[in-house]
Amino acid sequence: MMGSEEKPNILERFIIFSETHSETIKIVSYGVASMSLVIALYQIRPFAKFRKPSSVPSHFLHNKVPLEGTVIRVEPSCGTLLMVDHKPLIPLPRLSNSNYLPVKIAGVNVTANGISWLQTIVCGKSITFTPLAKEKEYLNCLVTMLQQNQKRVTVGEELVELGFATVTESSLKPTLQNKEIVKYQKCLLNAQKRAQRKRNGFWHFAKHSTILWKIEQSFYKKLKSILPVYIVQRFNI
C-alpha cells in the first residue's frame, strides 16, 4: 500500500495562492490602502477651512483637536467673540471670503477693558484654539497664543489675571471629565484669586481697599524690591 501525499499546511497554501493570484492580491491591497487613506483624511480634514461652528466635526471636540488661525477682529456679541480666519493643515488657494469662525474664550466673562485688551494684544495675531463645545453662534474654545518672547500664554488666564475677565465655572462643567480642562479651570480660579488680591481691573472697584489689604500690598511691594526678579516671576508675587 502506497503512502498518501501530505497535504500542504496553511502557510504553503497561502504561498501557492499568492503566486497564482498575485494581481488579485495587489488590487485588494491597493483597495485597503485607499480606504485607509480616505478614513484618515475624513478624520483629520487637512484641507477643510472652518467658517461656522456647525462645520467643525464632533470628533474634533471629543478628541480636543487643536486648530490654528488668525484673529481678524473682536466682537462684543455673545459675551465677546474672536472672529478667526481658520488655517487648514494644508492650505489651498481659495476665493476671498469675509466669513470667519466665531470663537468664544472658554470659562471667562470678558469685561469692557478686556475687549480693549483683546483688540490691542490679540487682534491680528495667530492663535491656537482647542474646541470644547459648539453652540449655534460660536465655538467655545481654550485659546493660546505666542508672545514676542516666544512664551505661550493662555488668553483666558491672562485676561482673568489682569482683572479684565471673571471666571464662569458653569461653562466648563460639561467638559470637566477631561484632565486638561480641569487643570485649565484651576488655573483660571488661581488667576482670579491673584487678581482679587491685587485689586486688578474689575476687582479694583468690586472690592473695598481695607487697611489690612493696604498693609498686605505694602508688604508685597517691599518683598518685590528685595527678592530677585526670577523668584518674583516664579511665585507671581
C-alpha atoms as a PDB file:
ATOM      1  CA  MET A   1       0.000   0.000   0.000  1.00  0.00           C
ATOM      2  CA  MET A   2       1.446   3.332  -1.151  1.00  0.00           C
ATOM      3  CA  GLY A   3       1.606   6.184   1.378  1.00  0.00           C
ATOM      4  CA  SER A   4      -0.661   9.139   0.604  1.00  0.00           C
ATOM      5  CA  GLU A   5       0.964  12.502  -0.080  1.00  0.00           C
ATOM      6  CA  GLU A   6       0.929  15.001   2.796  1.00  0.00           C
ATOM      7  CA  LYS A   7      -1.477  17.914   2.362  1.00  0.00           C
ATOM      8  CA  PRO A   8       0.143  21.371   2.310  1.00  0.00           C
ATOM      9  CA  ASN A   9      -0.169  23.381   5.534  1.00  0.00           C
ATOM     10  CA  ILE A  10      -1.789  26.830   5.810  1.00  0.00           C
ATOM     11  CA  LEU A  11       1.436  28.734   5.042  1.00  0.00           C
ATOM     12  CA  GLU A  12       2.172  26.635   1.970  1.00  0.00           C
ATOM     13  CA  ARG A  13      -1.386  27.052   0.710  1.00  0.00           C
ATOM     14  CA  PHE A  14      -1.119  30.847   1.176  1.00  0.00           C
ATOM     15  CA  ILE A  15       2.174  30.911  -0.784  1.00  0.00           C
ATOM     16  CA  ILE A  16       0.600  28.897  -3.607  1.00  0.00           C
ATOM     17  CA  PHE A  17      -2.460  31.166  -3.645  1.00  0.00           C
ATOM     18  CA  SER A  18      -0.361  34.370  -3.636  1.00  0.00           C
ATOM     19  CA  GLU A  19       1.732  33.080  -6.554  1.00  0.00           C
ATOM     20  CA  THR A  20      -1.306  32.167  -8.637  1.00  0.00           C
ATOM     21  CA  HIS A  21      -3.436  35.211  -7.692  1.00  0.00           C
ATOM     22  CA  SER A  22      -0.817  37.972  -7.420  1.00  0.00           C
ATOM     23  CA  GLU A  23      -2.888  40.512  -9.383  1.00  0.00           C
ATOM     24  CA  THR A  24      -5.937  39.942  -7.186  1.00  0.00           C
ATOM     25  CA  ILE A  25      -3.862  40.436  -4.028  1.00  0.00           C
ATOM     26  CA  LYS A  26      -2.420  43.675  -5.424  1.00  0.00           C
ATOM     27  CA  ILE A  27      -5.894  45.046  -6.178  1.00  0.00           C
ATOM     28  CA  VAL A  28      -7.157  44.133  -2.691  1.00  0.00           C
ATOM     29  CA  SER A  29      -4.069  45.706  -1.060  1.00  0.00           C
ATOM     30  CA  TYR A  30      -4.493  48.929  -3.040  1.00  0.00           C
ATOM     31  CA  GLY A  31      -8.182  48.988  -2.132  1.00  0.00           C
ATOM     32  CA  VAL A  32      -7.479  48.592   1.584  1.00  0.00           C
ATOM     33  CA  ALA A  33      -4.757  51.276   1.435  1.00  0.00           C
ATOM     34  CA  SER A  34      -7.093  53.659  -0.401  1.00  0.00           C
ATOM     35  CA  MET A  35      -9.885  53.108   2.122  1.00  0.00           C
ATOM     36  CA  SER A  36      -7.452  53.730   4.991  1.00  0.00           C
ATOM     37  CA  LEU A  37      -6.360  56.986   3.344  1.00  0.00           C
ATOM     38  CA  VAL A  38      -9.967  58.117   2.863  1.00  0.00           C
ATOM     39  CA  ILE A  39     -10.774  57.377   6.521  1.00  0.00           C
ATOM     40  CA  ALA A  40      -7.632  59.205   7.691  1.00  0.00           C
ATOM     41  CA  LEU A  41      -8.466  62.254   5.553  1.00  0.00           C
ATOM     42  CA  TYR A  42     -12.011  62.264   6.917  1.00  0.00           C
ATOM     43  CA  GLN A  43     -10.730  62.151  10.494  1.00  0.00           C
ATOM     44  CA  ILE A  44      -8.063  64.847  10.056  1.00  0.00           C
ATOM     45  CA  ARG A  45      -9.800  67.098   7.473  1.00  0.00           C
ATOM     46  CA  PRO A  46      -6.434  68.584   6.369  1.00  0.00           C
ATOM     47  CA  PHE A  47      -7.958  70.754   3.607  1.00  0.00           C
ATOM     48  CA  ALA A  48     -11.077  71.924   5.483  1.00  0.00           C
ATOM     49  CA  LYS A  49     -11.388  75.627   6.294  1.00  0.00           C
ATOM     50  CA  PHE A  50     -13.975  76.081   9.048  1.00  0.00           C
ATOM     51  CA  ARG A  51     -16.114  79.220   8.873  1.00  0.00           C
ATOM     52  CA  LYS A  52     -19.016  78.308  11.166  1.00  0.00           C
ATOM     53  CA  PRO A  53     -19.350  76.185  14.345  1.00  0.00           C
ATOM     54  CA  SER A  54     -21.589  73.576  12.706  1.00  0.00           C
ATOM     55  CA  SER A  55     -18.873  72.749  10.150  1.00  0.00           C
ATOM     56  CA  VAL A  56     -16.444  71.569  12.861  1.00  0.00           C
ATOM     57  CA  PRO A  57     -16.771  67.744  13.181  1.00  0.00           C
ATOM     58  CA  SER A  58     -17.950  66.403  16.555  1.00  0.00           C
ATOM     59  CA  HIS A  59     -14.902  64.142  16.864  1.00  0.00           C
ATOM     60  CA  PHE A  60     -12.694  67.275  16.855  1.00  0.00           C
ATOM     61  CA  LEU A  61     -14.443  68.325  20.067  1.00  0.00           C
ATOM     62  CA  HIS A  62     -14.370  64.844  21.578  1.00  0.00           C
ATOM     63  CA  ASN A  63     -10.638  64.447  20.871  1.00  0.00           C
ATOM     64  CA  LYS A  64      -9.794  68.091  21.714  1.00  0.00           C
ATOM     65  CA  VAL A  65      -8.069  68.647  18.360  1.00  0.00           C
ATOM     66  CA  PRO A  66      -6.138  71.964  18.375  1.00  0.00           C
ATOM     67  CA  LEU A  67      -6.766  74.286  15.407  1.00  0.00           C
ATOM     68  CA  GLU A  68      -4.903  77.374  14.247  1.00  0.00           C
ATOM     69  CA  GLY A  69      -5.930  80.697  12.795  1.00  0.00           C
ATOM     70  CA  THR A  70      -5.579  84.477  12.851  1.00  0.00           C
ATOM     71  CA  VAL A  71      -7.837  86.780  14.859  1.00  0.00           C
ATOM     72  CA  ILE A  72      -9.302  89.249  12.357  1.00  0.00           C
ATOM     73  CA  ARG A  73     -11.468  91.228  14.751  1.00  0.00           C
ATOM     74  CA  VAL A  74     -13.140  91.154  18.169  1.00  0.00           C
ATOM     75  CA  GLU A  75     -16.911  91.375  18.506  1.00  0.00           C
ATOM     76  CA  PRO A  76     -18.663  92.205  21.805  1.00  0.00           C
ATOM     77  CA  SER A  77     -21.663  89.989  20.958  1.00  0.00           C
ATOM     78  CA  CYS A  78     -22.411  86.719  22.821  1.00  0.00           C
ATOM     79  CA  GLY A  79     -20.048  87.643  25.647  1.00  0.00           C
ATOM     80  CA  THR A  80     -17.153  88.643  23.338  1.00  0.00           C
ATOM     81  CA  LEU A  81     -16.148  86.628  20.275  1.00  0.00           C
ATOM     82  CA  LEU A  82     -12.867  86.327  18.408  1.00  0.00           C
ATOM     83  CA  MET A  83     -13.565  86.250  14.667  1.00  0.00           C
ATOM     84  CA  VAL A  84     -10.914  83.825  13.446  1.00  0.00           C
ATOM     85  CA  ASP A  85      -9.611  83.144   9.959  1.00  0.00           C
ATOM     86  CA  HIS A  86      -9.056  79.393  10.365  1.00  0.00           C
ATOM     87  CA  LYS A  87      -5.893  77.990   8.829  1.00  0.00           C
ATOM     88  CA  PRO A  88      -6.231  74.393   7.493  1.00  0.00           C
ATOM     89  CA  LEU A  89      -3.390  71.909   7.973  1.00  0.00           C
ATOM     90  CA  ILE A  90      -2.828  72.029   4.198  1.00  0.00           C
ATOM     91  CA  PRO A  91      -3.923  75.428   2.834  1.00  0.00           C
ATOM     92  CA  LEU A  92      -5.335  75.535  -0.701  1.00  0.00           C
ATOM     93  CA  PRO A  93      -5.876  78.565  -2.966  1.00  0.00           C
ATOM     94  CA  ARG A  94      -9.379  79.917  -2.273  1.00  0.00           C
ATOM     95  CA  LEU A  95     -11.559  82.838  -3.218  1.00  0.00           C
ATOM     96  CA  SER A  96     -11.557  85.583  -0.616  1.00  0.00           C
ATOM     97  CA  ASN A  97     -14.387  85.244   1.894  1.00  0.00           C
ATOM     98  CA  SER A  98     -15.335  87.601   4.707  1.00  0.00           C
ATOM     99  CA  ASN A  99     -16.924  84.835   6.817  1.00  0.00           C
ATOM    100  CA  TYR A 100     -14.818  83.996   9.861  1.00  0.00           C
ATOM    101  CA  LEU A 101     -15.172  81.371  12.578  1.00  0.00           C
ATOM    102  CA  PRO A 102     -16.627  82.869  15.810  1.00  0.00           C
ATOM    103  CA  VAL A 103     -14.578  81.665  18.792  1.00  0.00           C
ATOM    104  CA  LYS A 104     -15.516  82.285  22.425  1.00  0.00           C
ATOM    105  CA  ILE A 105     -12.822  82.041  25.110  1.00  0.00           C
ATOM    106  CA  ALA A 106     -13.959  79.219  27.395  1.00  0.00           C
ATOM    107  CA  GLY A 107     -14.631  79.778  31.078  1.00  0.00           C
ATOM    108  CA  VAL A 108     -14.466  83.568  31.204  1.00  0.00           C
ATOM    109  CA  ASN A 109     -16.738  86.588  31.078  1.00  0.00           C
ATOM    110  CA  VAL A 110     -14.792  89.416  29.408  1.00  0.00           C
ATOM    111  CA  THR A 111     -15.189  92.999  30.674  1.00  0.00           C
ATOM    112  CA  ALA A 112     -15.098  96.199  28.569  1.00  0.00           C
ATOM    113  CA  ASN A 113     -11.413  96.631  29.426  1.00  0.00           C
ATOM    114  CA  GLY A 114     -10.880  93.019  28.379  1.00  0.00           C
ATOM    115  CA  ILE A 115     -12.376  93.726  24.953  1.00  0.00           C
ATOM    116  CA  SER A 116      -9.969  96.656  24.523  1.00  0.00           C
ATOM    117  CA  TRP A 117      -7.065  94.412  25.589  1.00  0.00           C
ATOM    118  CA  LEU A 118      -8.065  91.737  23.075  1.00  0.00           C
ATOM    119  CA  GLN A 119      -8.328  94.316  20.301  1.00  0.00           C
ATOM    120  CA  THR A 120      -4.874  95.659  21.153  1.00  0.00           C
ATOM    121  CA  ILE A 121      -2.947  92.484  22.042  1.00  0.00           C
ATOM    122  CA  VAL A 122      -4.693  89.574  20.302  1.00  0.00           C
ATOM    123  CA  CYS A 123      -6.311  91.058  17.196  1.00  0.00           C
ATOM    124  CA  GLY A 124      -4.182  90.364  14.112  1.00  0.00           C
ATOM    125  CA  LYS A 125      -2.211  87.625  15.900  1.00  0.00           C
ATOM    126  CA  SER A 126      -2.061  83.883  15.253  1.00  0.00           C
ATOM    127  CA  ILE A 127      -3.734  81.733  17.913  1.00  0.00           C
ATOM    128  CA  THR A 128      -4.231  78.072  18.694  1.00  0.00           C
ATOM    129  CA  PHE A 129      -7.801  77.244  19.702  1.00  0.00           C
ATOM    130  CA  THR A 130      -8.973  73.886  21.019  1.00  0.00           C
ATOM    131  CA  PRO A 131     -12.749  73.372  20.607  1.00  0.00           C
ATOM    132  CA  LEU A 132     -14.557  72.195  23.747  1.00  0.00           C
ATOM    133  CA  ALA A 133     -18.195  72.710  22.762  1.00  0.00           C
ATOM    134  CA  LYS A 134     -20.132  74.285  19.928  1.00  0.00           C
ATOM    135  CA  GLU A 135     -23.170  76.490  20.065  1.00  0.00           C
ATOM    136  CA  LYS A 136     -25.207  77.870  17.196  1.00  0.00           C
ATOM    137  CA  GLU A 137     -23.475  81.263  17.409  1.00  0.00           C
ATOM    138  CA  TYR A 138     -19.916  80.281  18.361  1.00  0.00           C
ATOM    139  CA  LEU A 139     -17.310  77.638  19.163  1.00  0.00           C
ATOM    140  CA  ASN A 140     -16.334  77.501  22.846  1.00  0.00           C
ATOM    141  CA  CYS A 141     -12.544  77.092  22.936  1.00  0.00           C
ATOM    142  CA  LEU A 142      -9.400  77.044  25.020  1.00  0.00           C
ATOM    143  CA  VAL A 143      -7.278  79.751  23.357  1.00  0.00           C
ATOM    144  CA  THR A 144      -3.495  80.182  23.488  1.00  0.00           C
ATOM    145  CA  MET A 145      -1.013  82.401  21.663  1.00  0.00           C
ATOM    146  CA  LEU A 146       2.714  83.067  21.423  1.00  0.00           C
ATOM    147  CA  GLN A 147       4.088  86.273  22.896  1.00  0.00           C
ATOM    148  CA  GLN A 148       7.059  88.177  21.467  1.00  0.00           C
ATOM    149  CA  ASN A 149       9.373  86.314  23.857  1.00  0.00           C
ATOM    150  CA  GLN A 150       8.072  83.041  22.332  1.00  0.00           C
ATOM    151  CA  LYS A 151       6.321  82.122  25.565  1.00  0.00           C
ATOM    152  CA  ARG A 152       2.906  80.556  25.007  1.00  0.00           C
ATOM    153  CA  VAL A 153       0.181  82.097  27.140  1.00  0.00           C
ATOM    154  CA  THR A 154      -3.401  81.041  27.768  1.00  0.00           C
ATOM    155  CA  VAL A 155      -5.540  84.014  26.745  1.00  0.00           C
ATOM    156  CA  GLY A 156      -8.362  83.294  29.204  1.00  0.00           C
ATOM    157  CA  GLU A 157      -5.975  83.017  32.148  1.00  0.00           C
ATOM    158  CA  GLU A 158      -4.170  86.199  31.114  1.00  0.00           C
ATOM    159  CA  LEU A 159      -7.452  88.129  30.960  1.00  0.00           C
ATOM    160  CA  VAL A 160      -8.508  86.899  34.420  1.00  0.00           C
ATOM    161  CA  GLU A 161      -5.082  87.678  35.912  1.00  0.00           C
ATOM    162  CA  LEU A 162      -5.313  91.270  34.688  1.00  0.00           C
ATOM    163  CA  GLY A 163      -8.810  91.639  36.085  1.00  0.00           C
ATOM    164  CA  PHE A 164     -10.175  92.046  32.561  1.00  0.00           C
ATOM    165  CA  ALA A 165     -12.412  88.959  32.864  1.00  0.00           C
ATOM    166  CA  THR A 166     -14.101  86.915  35.571  1.00  0.00           C
ATOM    167  CA  VAL A 167     -14.398  83.139  35.771  1.00  0.00           C
ATOM    168  CA  THR A 168     -17.659  81.468  34.719  1.00  0.00           C
ATOM    169  CA  GLU A 169     -17.299  77.898  36.000  1.00  0.00           C
ATOM    170  CA  SER A 170     -20.678  76.760  34.631  1.00  0.00           C
ATOM    171  CA  SER A 171     -19.499  76.998  31.006  1.00  0.00           C
ATOM    172  CA  LEU A 172     -16.795  74.380  31.650  1.00  0.00           C
ATOM    173  CA  LYS A 173     -18.930  71.854  33.564  1.00  0.00           C
ATOM    174  CA  PRO A 174     -19.803  69.638  30.546  1.00  0.00           C
ATOM    175  CA  THR A 175     -16.071  69.092  29.843  1.00  0.00           C
ATOM    176  CA  LEU A 176     -14.726  68.680  33.390  1.00  0.00           C
ATOM    177  CA  GLN A 177     -14.147  64.944  32.914  1.00  0.00           C
ATOM    178  CA  ASN A 178     -11.090  65.919  30.853  1.00  0.00           C
ATOM    179  CA  LYS A 179      -7.862  66.367  32.866  1.00  0.00           C
ATOM    180  CA  GLU A 180      -6.631  69.249  30.720  1.00  0.00           C
ATOM    181  CA  ILE A 181      -9.875  71.160  31.213  1.00  0.00           C
ATOM    182  CA  VAL A 182      -9.795  70.553  34.984  1.00  0.00           C
ATOM    183  CA  LYS A 183      -6.250  71.945  35.003  1.00  0.00           C
ATOM    184  CA  TYR A 184      -7.381  74.936  32.916  1.00  0.00           C
ATOM    185  CA  GLN A 185     -10.231  75.704  35.314  1.00  0.00           C
ATOM    186  CA  LYS A 186      -7.887  75.529  38.319  1.00  0.00           C
ATOM    187  CA  CYS A 187      -5.501  77.954  36.585  1.00  0.00           C
ATOM    188  CA  LEU A 188      -8.398  80.346  35.926  1.00  0.00           C
ATOM    189  CA  LEU A 189      -9.550  80.231  39.561  1.00  0.00           C
ATOM    190  CA  ASN A 190      -5.997  80.770  40.857  1.00  0.00           C
ATOM    191  CA  ALA A 191      -5.558  83.691  38.452  1.00  0.00           C
ATOM    192  CA  GLN A 192      -8.803  85.194  39.738  1.00  0.00           C
ATOM    193  CA  LYS A 193      -7.601  84.891  43.353  1.00  0.00           C
ATOM    194  CA  ARG A 194      -4.412  86.759  42.433  1.00  0.00           C
ATOM    195  CA  ALA A 195      -6.411  89.440  40.605  1.00  0.00           C
ATOM    196  CA  GLN A 196      -8.674  89.853  43.650  1.00  0.00           C
ATOM    197  CA  ARG A 197      -5.695  90.071  46.000  1.00  0.00           C
ATOM    198  CA  LYS A 198      -4.013  92.737  43.870  1.00  0.00           C
ATOM    199  CA  ARG A 199      -7.327  94.501  43.093  1.00  0.00           C
ATOM    200  CA  ASN A 200      -6.550  94.282  39.373  1.00  0.00           C
ATOM    201  CA  GLY A 201      -9.009  95.668  36.838  1.00  0.00           C
ATOM    202  CA  PHE A 202     -12.590  94.748  37.708  1.00  0.00           C
ATOM    203  CA  TRP A 203     -11.657  93.948  41.326  1.00  0.00           C
ATOM    204  CA  HIS A 204     -10.322  97.451  41.970  1.00  0.00           C
ATOM    205  CA  PHE A 205     -13.930  98.641  42.240  1.00  0.00           C
ATOM    206  CA  ALA A 206     -15.626  95.368  43.187  1.00  0.00           C
ATOM    207  CA  LYS A 207     -13.697  95.030  46.463  1.00  0.00           C
ATOM    208  CA  HIS A 208     -13.075  97.761  49.011  1.00  0.00           C
ATOM    209  CA  SER A 209      -9.489  98.615  49.878  1.00  0.00           C
ATOM    210  CA  THR A 210      -9.291  97.690  53.574  1.00  0.00           C
ATOM    211  CA  ILE A 211      -6.482  98.648  55.933  1.00  0.00           C
ATOM    212  CA  LEU A 212      -5.370  95.012  56.010  1.00  0.00           C
ATOM    213  CA  TRP A 213      -5.218  94.925  52.201  1.00  0.00           C
ATOM    214  CA  LYS A 214      -3.124  98.114  52.096  1.00  0.00           C
ATOM    215  CA  ILE A 215      -0.683  96.644  54.642  1.00  0.00           C
ATOM    216  CA  GLU A 216      -0.506  93.423  52.632  1.00  0.00           C
ATOM    217  CA  GLN A 217       0.189  95.317  49.378  1.00  0.00           C
ATOM    218  CA  SER A 218       2.885  97.350  51.088  1.00  0.00           C
ATOM    219  CA  PHE A 219       4.486  94.106  52.276  1.00  0.00           C
ATOM    220  CA  TYR A 220       4.398  92.580  48.769  1.00  0.00           C
ATOM    221  CA  LYS A 221       5.849  95.767  47.275  1.00  0.00           C
ATOM    222  CA  LYS A 222       8.741  95.676  49.756  1.00  0.00           C
ATOM    223  CA  LEU A 223       9.244  91.956  49.108  1.00  0.00           C
ATOM    224  CA  LYS A 224       9.405  92.522  45.340  1.00  0.00           C
ATOM    225  CA  SER A 225      12.098  95.154  45.782  1.00  0.00           C
ATOM    226  CA  ILE A 226      14.267  92.741  47.814  1.00  0.00           C
ATOM    227  CA  LEU A 227      13.846  89.410  46.006  1.00  0.00           C
ATOM    228  CA  PRO A 228      15.493  88.530  42.655  1.00  0.00           C
ATOM    229  CA  VAL A 229      13.293  89.069  39.592  1.00  0.00           C
ATOM    230  CA  TYR A 230      13.126  85.354  38.668  1.00  0.00           C
ATOM    231  CA  ILE A 231      11.728  84.478  42.123  1.00  0.00           C
ATOM    232  CA  VAL A 232       9.119  87.249  41.892  1.00  0.00           C
ATOM    233  CA  GLN A 233       8.065  85.945  38.459  1.00  0.00           C
ATOM    234  CA  ARG A 234       8.171  82.284  39.535  1.00  0.00           C
ATOM    235  CA  PHE A 235       5.856  82.811  42.521  1.00  0.00           C
ATOM    236  CA  ASN A 236       3.918  85.690  40.978  1.00  0.00           C
ATOM    237  CA  ILE A 237       4.470  87.937  43.982  1.00  0.00           C
END
